[in-house]
Amino acid sequence: MRKLAKAIAVGAVVVPVVLGGATVASADSGPGYGKSDNSATVYGGSSSKTLSGFKDGKAYFVKVSKTANSTGATGNATGSHS
């Protein structure tokens, strides 16, 4: 019985993820890929974000990073679109 409950729980999670991935892949707008990283210590902090996908039928790519510590701060951004 426990294995059956576990299989149902896994299926309840996997099926929407698979179907949702198919929906995103065929969508005309919205990010197709997104990743974000953030960290902080007593010495400073950093964050980065990468996005790519299609918006209004055009491809785009954006990458942004920011870092700060006791000596200053820096930021960097790269982007492109078709």
Protein backbone atom coordinates (compact mmCIF):
# COMPACT_ATOMS: atom_id res chain seq x y z
CA MET A 1 0.00 0.00 0.00
CA ARG A 2 2.86 2.37 0.79
CA LYS A 3 4.42 1.82 -2.65
CA LEU A 4 1.08 2.62 -4.31
CA ALA A 5 0.73 5.87 -2.36
CA LYS A 6 4.30 6.80 -3.27
CA ALA A 7 3.67 6.08 -6.98
CA ILE A 8 0.53 8.23 -6.94
CA ALA A 9 2.37 11.10 -5.25
CA VAL A 10 5.23 10.96 -7.76
CA GLY A 11 2.75 10.83 -10.66
CA ALA A 12 0.88 13.83 -9.28
CA VAL A 13 4.10 15.84 -9.38
CA VAL A 14 5.62 14.52 -12.63
CA VAL A 15 2.60 14.78 -14.93
CA PRO A 16 2.02 18.56 -14.46
CA VAL A 17 5.76 19.23 -14.86
CA VAL A 18 5.90 17.30 -18.15
CA LEU A 19 2.73 18.91 -19.48
CA GLY A 20 3.80 22.35 -18.25
CA GLY A 21 7.16 21.99 -20.01
CA ALA A 22 5.38 21.17 -23.26
CA THR A 23 3.19 24.23 -22.84
CA VAL A 24 6.15 26.55 -22.26
CA ALA A 25 8.01 25.13 -25.25
CA SER A 26 5.11 25.90 -27.60
CA ALA A 27 4.20 29.30 -26.13
CA ASP A 28 4.71 32.43 -28.22
CA SER A 29 5.69 34.56 -25.24
CA GLY A 30 7.31 34.13 -21.87
CA PRO A 31 10.74 32.92 -20.80
CA GLY A 32 11.81 29.52 -22.02
CA TYR A 33 14.73 29.43 -19.59
CA GLY A 34 15.44 31.27 -16.36
CA LYS A 35 18.13 30.90 -13.74
CA SER A 36 18.88 33.06 -10.73
CA ASP A 37 21.70 32.83 -8.17
CA ASN A 38 22.10 34.93 -5.02
CA SER A 39 24.64 34.79 -2.22
CA ALA A 40 25.75 36.92 0.71
CA THR A 41 28.44 36.68 3.36
CA VAL A 42 29.98 39.10 5.83
CA TYR A 43 32.44 40.01 3.05
CA GLY A 44 29.82 41.03 0.47
CA GLY A 45 27.11 39.75 -1.81
CA SER A 46 26.43 38.82 -5.40
CA SER A 47 23.49 38.02 -7.63
CA SER A 48 23.07 36.88 -11.22
CA LYS A 49 20.15 36.18 -13.52
CA THR A 50 19.96 34.59 -16.96
CA LEU A 51 16.79 34.60 -19.07
CA SER A 52 16.08 33.52 -22.63
CA GLY A 53 12.98 32.79 -24.63
CA PHE A 54 10.45 34.40 -26.93
CA LYS A 55 8.34 37.52 -26.47
CA ASP A 56 5.91 38.68 -29.13
CA GLY A 57 7.40 36.11 -31.51
CA LYS A 58 10.98 37.41 -31.12
CA ALA A 59 13.87 35.61 -29.42
CA TYR A 60 15.72 37.29 -26.55
CA PHE A 61 18.61 36.65 -24.16
CA VAL A 62 19.52 38.60 -20.99
CA LYS A 63 22.31 38.01 -18.47
CA VAL A 64 22.79 40.33 -15.46
CA SER A 65 25.25 40.11 -12.58
CA LYS A 66 25.91 42.34 -9.56
CA THR A 67 28.61 42.13 -6.89
CA ALA A 68 29.32 44.27 -3.83
CA ASN A 69 31.92 44.14 -1.08
CA SER A 70 33.71 46.51 1.30
CA THR A 71 35.74 48.09 -1.52
CA GLY A 72 32.85 48.84 -3.88
CA ALA A 73 30.25 47.45 -6.19
CA THR A 74 30.02 46.41 -9.81
CA GLY A 75 27.27 45.46 -12.22
CA ASN A 76 27.23 43.86 -15.64
CA ALA A 77 24.47 43.27 -18.18
CA THR A 78 24.40 41.61 -21.61
CA GLY A 79 21.34 41.29 -23.80
CA SER A 80 20.26 40.52 -27.33
CA HIS A 81 17.06 40.10 -29.31
CA SER A 82 15.98 39.31 -32.84
